[in-house]
Protein backbone atom coordinates (compact mmCIF):
# COMPACT_ATOMS: atom_id res chain seq x y z
CA MET A 1 39.95 113.85 261.93
CA VAL A 2 38.61 115.27 265.20
CA ASP A 3 41.46 117.80 265.21
CA LEU A 4 40.34 118.96 261.78
CA PHE A 5 36.82 119.57 263.10
CA ASN A 6 38.24 121.45 266.07
CA LEU A 7 40.29 123.56 263.68
CA LEU A 8 37.23 124.24 261.53
CA VAL A 9 35.02 125.08 264.47
CA GLY A 10 37.66 127.19 266.17
CA ALA A 11 37.70 129.72 263.37
CA GLY A 12 34.33 131.36 262.79
CA ASP A 13 35.57 133.05 259.63
CA LEU A 14 36.57 129.70 258.22
CA CYS A 15 32.92 128.63 258.09
CA ASP A 16 32.18 131.75 256.06
CA GLU A 17 35.06 130.97 253.72
CA LEU A 18 33.86 127.38 253.29
CA LYS A 19 30.25 128.33 252.47
CA PRO A 20 30.57 127.49 248.75
CA ILE A 21 32.01 124.04 249.49
CA LEU A 22 29.51 123.35 252.28
CA ARG A 23 26.69 124.43 249.98
CA ILE A 24 27.84 121.98 247.29
CA VAL A 25 28.01 119.22 249.90
CA GLY A 26 24.49 120.16 251.00
CA ILE A 27 23.19 120.00 247.43
CA VAL A 28 24.76 116.55 246.98
CA ILE A 29 23.19 115.33 250.21
CA TRP A 30 19.84 116.79 249.12
CA GLY A 31 20.19 114.93 245.83
CA ILE A 32 20.86 111.70 247.67
CA ARG A 33 17.90 112.23 250.02
CA VAL A 34 15.37 113.33 247.42
CA ALA A 35 16.38 112.72 243.81
CA VAL A 36 17.72 109.16 244.14
CA PRO A 37 14.58 107.72 245.79
CA VAL A 38 12.32 109.54 243.32
CA ILE A 39 14.34 108.25 240.36
CA LEU A 40 14.29 104.69 241.71
CA ILE A 41 10.52 104.73 242.16
CA VAL A 42 9.86 106.35 238.76
CA VAL A 43 12.07 103.83 236.95
CA GLY A 44 10.36 100.97 238.79
CA SER A 45 6.95 102.34 237.85
CA ILE A 46 7.97 102.60 234.20
CA ASP A 47 9.15 98.98 234.26
CA LEU A 48 5.83 97.94 235.78
CA ALA A 49 3.88 99.90 233.16
CA LYS A 50 5.83 98.16 230.38
CA ALA A 51 5.06 94.77 231.92
CA VAL A 52 1.36 95.61 232.21
CA THR A 53 1.16 96.61 228.54
CA GLU A 54 2.66 93.23 227.58
CA LYS A 55 -0.13 91.51 229.55
CA SER A 56 2.09 88.68 230.73
CA GLU A 57 1.44 87.55 234.32
CA ASP A 58 5.03 86.42 234.81
CA LYS A 59 6.46 89.73 233.63
CA ILE A 60 3.98 91.68 235.76
CA LYS A 61 4.94 89.74 238.90
CA GLU A 62 8.63 90.15 238.09
CA ALA A 63 8.15 93.90 237.58
CA GLN A 64 6.18 94.14 240.83
CA ASN A 65 9.01 92.43 242.71
CA LYS A 66 11.54 94.79 241.14
CA LEU A 67 9.37 97.80 242.05
CA VAL A 68 9.12 96.65 245.66
CA LYS A 69 12.90 96.15 245.83
CA LYS A 70 13.50 99.60 244.33
CA ALA A 71 11.05 101.19 246.76
CA ILE A 72 12.84 99.52 249.68
CA ALA A 73 16.19 100.68 248.29
CA ALA A 74 14.80 104.22 247.94
CA GLY A 75 13.65 104.18 251.55
CA LEU A 76 17.03 102.90 252.71
CA VAL A 77 18.90 105.56 250.73
CA PHE A 78 16.71 108.22 252.33
CA LEU A 79 17.11 106.80 255.83
CA VAL A 80 20.88 106.25 255.67
CA SER A 81 21.56 109.97 255.31
CA ILE A 82 19.26 110.72 258.25
CA LEU A 83 20.87 107.93 260.30
CA VAL A 84 24.35 109.35 259.66
CA THR A 85 23.16 112.78 260.83
CA VAL A 86 21.68 111.32 264.01
CA VAL A 87 24.83 109.32 264.76
CA MET A 88 26.96 112.44 264.24
CA LYS A 89 24.80 114.36 266.71
CA VAL A 90 24.99 111.58 269.30
CA VAL A 91 28.66 110.66 268.95
CA GLY A 92 30.29 113.84 267.68
CA HIS A 93 30.81 117.16 269.32
CA ASN A 94 28.01 119.63 268.78
CA GLU A 95 30.55 122.38 268.04
CA TYR A 96 30.54 121.48 264.34
CA GLU A 97 26.95 122.72 264.06
CA GLU A 98 28.23 126.26 263.55
CA CYS A 99 29.23 125.31 259.99
CA MET A 100 26.23 123.07 259.28
CA PRO A 101 23.39 125.43 258.21
CA CYS A 102 24.69 125.51 254.63
CA VAL A 103 24.86 121.72 254.53
CA ASP A 104 21.40 121.26 256.06
CA HIS A 105 19.70 124.00 253.98
CA PRO A 106 21.83 124.65 250.87
CA PHE A 107 19.14 126.62 249.01
CA ARG A 108 18.66 129.37 251.59
CA ASP A 109 19.98 132.87 250.95
CA GLU A 110 22.36 132.77 253.90
CA CYS A 111 24.45 130.19 252.03
CA THR A 112 24.90 132.22 248.89
CA VAL A 113 28.35 133.66 248.43
CA SER A 114 28.30 137.41 248.81
CA SER A 115 30.81 139.45 246.88
CA LYS A 116 32.81 141.72 249.14
């Protein structure tokens, strides 16, 4: 696997050729970091709102517990992607960073594929 990274980093043009794939990977990572936690919290809030409208103490407490668990899961999902990035920077070679701008910032213009 390390040889593959060395191969990728060794060819500067290869990073340019891989921009579409790296951009898709960046969008997926963005979705994991942002969309998944937001969805978990929104769904938990909807469950809590349903329990409140039923006016049952047991259901409200159960919905509160589920909301807290979903909020913790959302935080963990957000932090895992950051933790993986930090571990890669500590353990891995920093030569791979040449290809990383499209993964870190997939919505910037520099990652759009230009027609030649």
